[in-house]
Amino acid sequence: MARQTIVSESTLNACYGELFMYDVVQAGWEQEQNGFTPNAEHLLTHLVKDGFRKDFSDQELVLSSIAPDNLMYALRIARWAGSISPKKLVTPVYDFMSIDGNTSPNYGTDANRALASHRAATDTLADLIHDESHASTTEVAKSERINKALRCSRFLVASCEFHLEDFEFDLRESFENRLSHLRERFGIPTL
């Protein structure tokens, strides 16, 4: 079933700019300068914890952290991998697995599809990190980094889109609220 994208290029560009300011200019993401692998490894721990610990059907939790965090993760992975502009994350979402060219089963509610898409992103990033860490697969894995990072980021954006359909909220507002919360929590001022 074909679906139009819900997350617009302008939303992605605006959020990318705000996150870049927080992460890079203000050093909000502590490991930023360490490159792709340490950052991706740390982000993977967040994806795993969110996938196991958070209720993807809880509207308040989705709006306050799950959806905006997934958008932040998607934008960070794209930035760290290099050569991935936010525009490349705008894609019509078919059923979430079509991003990877596979046919997906019917997961029912959007919350279930949002979680399944989140898990697909987690799996994609874990495979990339794993393959880059083995001497026998590192060169091939590094040559595929941009494509796998893009796939991972698209899965995370798709997760946001399923939540948007289910709960009908403003993702940019949710993103800005989450970033404001992080600024307050870690003592990073708004510029």
C-alpha atoms as a PDB file:
ATOM      1  CA  MET A   1       0.000   0.000   0.000  1.00  0.00           C
ATOM      2  CA  ALA A   2       1.646   3.252  -1.096  1.00  0.00           C
ATOM      3  CA  ARG A   3       1.761   6.083   1.429  1.00  0.00           C
ATOM      4  CA  GLN A   4       2.940   9.636   1.038  1.00  0.00           C
ATOM      5  CA  THR A   5       5.671  10.926   3.290  1.00  0.00           C
ATOM      6  CA  ILE A   6       4.444  12.871   6.282  1.00  0.00           C
ATOM      7  CA  VAL A   7       7.769  14.312   7.441  1.00  0.00           C
ATOM      8  CA  SER A   8       8.598  17.131   5.048  1.00  0.00           C
ATOM      9  CA  GLU A   9      11.986  18.210   3.771  1.00  0.00           C
ATOM     10  CA  SER A  10      11.520  21.617   5.405  1.00  0.00           C
ATOM     11  CA  THR A  11      10.880  19.968   8.801  1.00  0.00           C
ATOM     12  CA  LEU A  12      13.958  17.774   8.402  1.00  0.00           C
ATOM     13  CA  ASN A  13      16.130  20.737   7.369  1.00  0.00           C
ATOM     14  CA  ALA A  14      14.945  22.888  10.278  1.00  0.00           C
ATOM     15  CA  CYS A  15      15.445  20.104  12.812  1.00  0.00           C
ATOM     16  CA  TYR A  16      18.831  19.231  11.301  1.00  0.00           C
ATOM     17  CA  GLY A  17      19.969  22.842  11.759  1.00  0.00           C
ATOM     18  CA  GLU A  18      18.774  23.021  15.369  1.00  0.00           C
ATOM     19  CA  LEU A  19      20.356  19.674  16.214  1.00  0.00           C
ATOM     20  CA  PHE A  20      23.639  20.644  14.525  1.00  0.00           C
ATOM     21  CA  MET A  21      23.741  23.789  16.662  1.00  0.00           C
ATOM     22  CA  TYR A  22      23.120  21.754  19.829  1.00  0.00           C
ATOM     23  CA  ASP A  23      25.371  18.778  19.028  1.00  0.00           C
ATOM     24  CA  VAL A  24      28.296  20.387  17.219  1.00  0.00           C
ATOM     25  CA  VAL A  25      28.444  24.107  17.909  1.00  0.00           C
ATOM     26  CA  GLN A  26      27.453  23.831  21.579  1.00  0.00           C
ATOM     27  CA  ALA A  27      28.983  20.353  22.142  1.00  0.00           C
ATOM     28  CA  GLY A  28      25.697  18.910  23.402  1.00  0.00           C
ATOM     29  CA  TRP A  29      26.567  15.489  21.975  1.00  0.00           C
ATOM     30  CA  GLU A  30      29.747  14.810  23.916  1.00  0.00           C
ATOM     31  CA  GLN A  31      31.383  12.394  21.491  1.00  0.00           C
ATOM     32  CA  GLU A  32      30.718  14.353  18.291  1.00  0.00           C
ATOM     33  CA  GLN A  33      34.399  14.880  17.485  1.00  0.00           C
ATOM     34  CA  ASN A  34      35.194  11.144  17.762  1.00  0.00           C
ATOM     35  CA  GLY A  35      33.773  10.187  14.375  1.00  0.00           C
ATOM     36  CA  PHE A  36      31.244   7.686  13.123  1.00  0.00           C
ATOM     37  CA  THR A  37      32.021   4.471  14.998  1.00  0.00           C
ATOM     38  CA  PRO A  38      32.107   5.656  18.646  1.00  0.00           C
ATOM     39  CA  ASN A  39      29.061   7.828  18.037  1.00  0.00           C
ATOM     40  CA  ALA A  40      27.125   5.074  16.281  1.00  0.00           C
ATOM     41  CA  GLU A  41      28.012   2.577  19.007  1.00  0.00           C
ATOM     42  CA  HIS A  42      26.729   4.925  21.696  1.00  0.00           C
ATOM     43  CA  LEU A  43      23.591   5.755  19.744  1.00  0.00           C
ATOM     44  CA  LEU A  44      22.958   2.029  19.268  1.00  0.00           C
ATOM     45  CA  THR A  45      22.730   1.655  23.054  1.00  0.00           C
ATOM     46  CA  HIS A  46      19.989   4.304  23.063  1.00  0.00           C
ATOM     47  CA  LEU A  47      18.100   2.519  20.270  1.00  0.00           C
ATOM     48  CA  VAL A  48      18.259  -0.800  22.128  1.00  0.00           C
ATOM     49  CA  LYS A  49      17.169   0.715  25.442  1.00  0.00           C
ATOM     50  CA  ASP A  50      14.281   2.608  23.810  1.00  0.00           C
ATOM     51  CA  GLY A  51      13.122  -0.463  21.903  1.00  0.00           C
ATOM     52  CA  PHE A  52      13.027  -2.609  25.022  1.00  0.00           C
ATOM     53  CA  ARG A  53      12.050  -0.128  27.720  1.00  0.00           C
ATOM     54  CA  LYS A  54       9.600   2.302  26.149  1.00  0.00           C
ATOM     55  CA  ASP A  55       5.935   1.751  25.333  1.00  0.00           C
ATOM     56  CA  PHE A  56       5.513   2.752  21.684  1.00  0.00           C
ATOM     57  CA  SER A  57       1.723   2.895  22.132  1.00  0.00           C
ATOM     58  CA  ASP A  58       1.862   5.474  24.954  1.00  0.00           C
ATOM     59  CA  GLN A  59       0.903   8.762  23.299  1.00  0.00           C
ATOM     60  CA  GLU A  60       2.467  10.986  25.958  1.00  0.00           C
ATOM     61  CA  LEU A  61       5.761   9.078  25.797  1.00  0.00           C
ATOM     62  CA  VAL A  62       5.732   9.103  21.987  1.00  0.00           C
ATOM     63  CA  LEU A  63       5.278  12.873  21.854  1.00  0.00           C
ATOM     64  CA  SER A  64       7.717  13.699  24.662  1.00  0.00           C
ATOM     65  CA  SER A  65      10.596  11.379  23.761  1.00  0.00           C
ATOM     66  CA  ILE A  66      10.185   8.438  21.383  1.00  0.00           C
ATOM     67  CA  ALA A  67       9.335  10.274  18.153  1.00  0.00           C
ATOM     68  CA  PRO A  68      11.633  13.285  18.665  1.00  0.00           C
ATOM     69  CA  ASP A  69      14.481  11.034  19.794  1.00  0.00           C
ATOM     70  CA  ASN A  70      14.061   8.850  16.708  1.00  0.00           C
ATOM     71  CA  LEU A  71      14.219  11.951  14.539  1.00  0.00           C
ATOM     72  CA  MET A  72      17.352  13.122  16.366  1.00  0.00           C
ATOM     73  CA  TYR A  73      18.934   9.692  15.951  1.00  0.00           C
ATOM     74  CA  ALA A  74      18.113   9.658  12.233  1.00  0.00           C
ATOM     75  CA  LEU A  75      19.653  13.090  11.676  1.00  0.00           C
ATOM     76  CA  ARG A  76      22.750  12.248  13.714  1.00  0.00           C
ATOM     77  CA  ILE A  77      23.436   9.006  11.879  1.00  0.00           C
ATOM     78  CA  ALA A  78      23.052  10.796   8.563  1.00  0.00           C
ATOM     79  CA  ARG A  79      25.504  13.504   9.669  1.00  0.00           C
ATOM     80  CA  TRP A  80      28.090  11.091  11.048  1.00  0.00           C
ATOM     81  CA  ALA A  81      28.050   8.864   7.975  1.00  0.00           C
ATOM     82  CA  GLY A  82      28.753  11.872   5.741  1.00  0.00           C
ATOM     83  CA  SER A  83      27.200  12.855   2.430  1.00  0.00           C
ATOM     84  CA  ILE A  84      23.623  12.271   3.608  1.00  0.00           C
ATOM     85  CA  SER A  85      21.527  15.409   3.465  1.00  0.00           C
ATOM     86  CA  PRO A  86      18.182  15.579   5.269  1.00  0.00           C
ATOM     87  CA  LYS A  87      16.552  15.688   1.818  1.00  0.00           C
ATOM     88  CA  LYS A  88      17.576  12.047   1.303  1.00  0.00           C
ATOM     89  CA  LEU A  89      15.551  11.056   4.354  1.00  0.00           C
ATOM     90  CA  VAL A  90      12.329  12.255   2.733  1.00  0.00           C
ATOM     91  CA  THR A  91      10.907   9.230   1.045  1.00  0.00           C
ATOM     92  CA  PRO A  92       7.404   7.922   0.500  1.00  0.00           C
ATOM     93  CA  VAL A  93       6.936   5.224   3.094  1.00  0.00           C
ATOM     94  CA  TYR A  94       5.355   2.050   1.751  1.00  0.00           C
ATOM     95  CA  ASP A  95       4.948  -0.464   4.513  1.00  0.00           C
ATOM     96  CA  PHE A  96       8.096   0.204   6.524  1.00  0.00           C
ATOM     97  CA  MET A  97      10.152  -2.747   5.274  1.00  0.00           C
ATOM     98  CA  SER A  98       9.883  -1.611   1.647  1.00  0.00           C
ATOM     99  CA  ILE A  99      12.650   0.861   2.495  1.00  0.00           C
ATOM    100  CA  ASP A 100      14.894  -2.184   2.413  1.00  0.00           C
ATOM    101  CA  GLY A 101      13.212  -3.717  -0.635  1.00  0.00           C
ATOM    102  CA  ASN A 102      11.539  -6.469   1.374  1.00  0.00           C
ATOM    103  CA  THR A 103       7.890  -7.285   1.842  1.00  0.00           C
ATOM    104  CA  SER A 104       6.689  -6.727   5.368  1.00  0.00           C
ATOM    105  CA  PRO A 105       4.004  -8.608   7.214  1.00  0.00           C
ATOM    106  CA  ASN A 106       0.982  -6.733   8.504  1.00  0.00           C
ATOM    107  CA  TYR A 107       1.959  -5.418  11.935  1.00  0.00           C
ATOM    108  CA  GLY A 108      -1.487  -3.983  12.624  1.00  0.00           C
ATOM    109  CA  THR A 109      -1.449  -0.718  14.544  1.00  0.00           C
ATOM    110  CA  ASP A 110       0.860   2.149  13.719  1.00  0.00           C
ATOM    111  CA  ALA A 111       2.427   1.807  17.190  1.00  0.00           C
ATOM    112  CA  ASN A 112       3.454  -1.757  16.343  1.00  0.00           C
ATOM    113  CA  ARG A 113       4.785  -0.655  12.955  1.00  0.00           C
ATOM    114  CA  ALA A 114       6.613   2.247  14.603  1.00  0.00           C
ATOM    115  CA  LEU A 115       8.314  -0.187  16.989  1.00  0.00           C
ATOM    116  CA  ALA A 116       9.062  -2.645  14.177  1.00  0.00           C
ATOM    117  CA  SER A 117      10.610   0.171  12.136  1.00  0.00           C
ATOM    118  CA  HIS A 118      12.642   1.279  15.167  1.00  0.00           C
ATOM    119  CA  ARG A 119      13.885  -2.295  15.568  1.00  0.00           C
ATOM    120  CA  ALA A 120      14.770  -2.487  11.874  1.00  0.00           C
ATOM    121  CA  ALA A 121      16.892   0.656  12.327  1.00  0.00           C
ATOM    122  CA  THR A 122      18.532  -0.892  15.392  1.00  0.00           C
ATOM    123  CA  ASP A 123      19.279  -4.093  13.484  1.00  0.00           C
ATOM    124  CA  THR A 124      20.676  -2.204  10.482  1.00  0.00           C
ATOM    125  CA  LEU A 125      23.004  -0.109  12.651  1.00  0.00           C
ATOM    126  CA  ALA A 126      24.082  -3.138  14.708  1.00  0.00           C
ATOM    127  CA  ASP A 127      24.954  -5.053  11.520  1.00  0.00           C
ATOM    128  CA  LEU A 128      27.003  -2.140  10.224  1.00  0.00           C
ATOM    129  CA  ILE A 129      28.940  -1.684  13.475  1.00  0.00           C
ATOM    130  CA  HIS A 130      29.481  -5.441  13.781  1.00  0.00           C
ATOM    131  CA  ASP A 131      30.746  -5.818  10.226  1.00  0.00           C
ATOM    132  CA  GLU A 132      33.038  -2.802  10.518  1.00  0.00           C
ATOM    133  CA  SER A 133      34.640  -4.326  13.631  1.00  0.00           C
ATOM    134  CA  HIS A 134      35.763  -7.574  11.943  1.00  0.00           C
ATOM    135  CA  ALA A 135      38.973  -7.578   9.936  1.00  0.00           C
ATOM    136  CA  SER A 136      37.437  -9.882   7.327  1.00  0.00           C
ATOM    137  CA  THR A 137      34.447  -7.597   6.645  1.00  0.00           C
ATOM    138  CA  THR A 138      35.614  -4.121   7.614  1.00  0.00           C
ATOM    139  CA  GLU A 139      36.512  -2.833   4.144  1.00  0.00           C
ATOM    140  CA  VAL A 140      33.239  -3.942   2.558  1.00  0.00           C
ATOM    141  CA  ALA A 141      31.254  -2.644   5.533  1.00  0.00           C
ATOM    142  CA  LYS A 142      32.948   0.758   5.390  1.00  0.00           C
ATOM    143  CA  SER A 143      32.226   0.965   1.667  1.00  0.00           C
ATOM    144  CA  GLU A 144      28.539   0.329   2.455  1.00  0.00           C
ATOM    145  CA  ARG A 145      28.422   2.725   5.426  1.00  0.00           C
ATOM    146  CA  ILE A 146      26.543   5.530   3.687  1.00  0.00           C
ATOM    147  CA  ASN A 147      23.893   3.208   2.240  1.00  0.00           C
ATOM    148  CA  LYS A 148      23.349   1.374   5.538  1.00  0.00           C
ATOM    149  CA  ALA A 149      23.328   4.611   7.517  1.00  0.00           C
ATOM    150  CA  LEU A 150      20.764   6.028   5.095  1.00  0.00           C
ATOM    151  CA  ARG A 151      18.617   2.903   5.466  1.00  0.00           C
ATOM    152  CA  CYS A 152      18.864   3.128   9.262  1.00  0.00           C
ATOM    153  CA  SER A 153      17.911   6.820   9.228  1.00  0.00           C
ATOM    154  CA  ARG A 154      14.962   6.154   6.927  1.00  0.00           C
ATOM    155  CA  PHE A 155      13.680   3.422   9.233  1.00  0.00           C
ATOM    156  CA  LEU A 156      13.793   5.909  12.104  1.00  0.00           C
ATOM    157  CA  VAL A 157      11.945   8.554  10.082  1.00  0.00           C
ATOM    158  CA  ALA A 158       9.398   5.884   9.114  1.00  0.00           C
ATOM    159  CA  SER A 159       8.910   5.117  12.807  1.00  0.00           C
ATOM    160  CA  CYS A 160       8.110   8.800  13.352  1.00  0.00           C
ATOM    161  CA  GLU A 161       5.656   8.739  10.464  1.00  0.00           C
ATOM    162  CA  PHE A 162       3.746   5.776  11.871  1.00  0.00           C
ATOM    163  CA  HIS A 163       3.440   7.621  15.169  1.00  0.00           C
ATOM    164  CA  LEU A 164       2.327  10.771  13.349  1.00  0.00           C
ATOM    165  CA  GLU A 165      -0.465   8.837  11.676  1.00  0.00           C
ATOM    166  CA  ASP A 166      -1.525   7.235  14.928  1.00  0.00           C
ATOM    167  CA  PHE A 167      -1.406  10.274  17.205  1.00  0.00           C
ATOM    168  CA  GLU A 168      -1.647  13.252  14.794  1.00  0.00           C
ATOM    169  CA  PHE A 169       0.837  15.644  16.411  1.00  0.00           C
ATOM    170  CA  ASP A 170       3.351  18.240  15.245  1.00  0.00           C
ATOM    171  CA  LEU A 171       6.708  16.476  14.999  1.00  0.00           C
ATOM    172  CA  ARG A 172       8.675  19.698  14.771  1.00  0.00           C
ATOM    173  CA  GLU A 173       7.044  21.026  17.936  1.00  0.00           C
ATOM    174  CA  SER A 174       7.701  17.713  19.666  1.00  0.00           C
ATOM    175  CA  PHE A 175      11.326  17.844  18.489  1.00  0.00           C
ATOM    176  CA  GLU A 176      11.773  21.414  19.751  1.00  0.00           C
ATOM    177  CA  ASN A 177      10.223  20.535  23.124  1.00  0.00           C
ATOM    178  CA  ARG A 178      12.554  17.551  23.480  1.00  0.00           C
ATOM    179  CA  LEU A 179      15.601  19.598  22.526  1.00  0.00           C
ATOM    180  CA  SER A 180      14.560  22.264  25.043  1.00  0.00           C
ATOM    181  CA  HIS A 181      14.282  19.563  27.716  1.00  0.00           C
ATOM    182  CA  LEU A 182      17.778  18.276  26.849  1.00  0.00           C
ATOM    183  CA  ARG A 183      19.206  21.813  26.953  1.00  0.00           C
ATOM    184  CA  GLU A 184      17.745  22.337  30.415  1.00  0.00           C
ATOM    185  CA  ARG A 185      18.849  18.912  31.661  1.00  0.00           C
ATOM    186  CA  PHE A 186      22.455  19.349  30.512  1.00  0.00           C
ATOM    187  CA  GLY A 187      22.764  23.111  31.079  1.00  0.00           C
ATOM    188  CA  ILE A 188      23.180  24.116  27.436  1.00  0.00           C
ATOM    189  CA  PRO A 189      21.671  27.530  26.699  1.00  0.00           C
ATOM    190  CA  THR A 190      19.427  28.349  23.765  1.00  0.00           C
ATOM    191  CA  LEU A 191      21.173  30.549  21.220  1.00  0.00           C
END
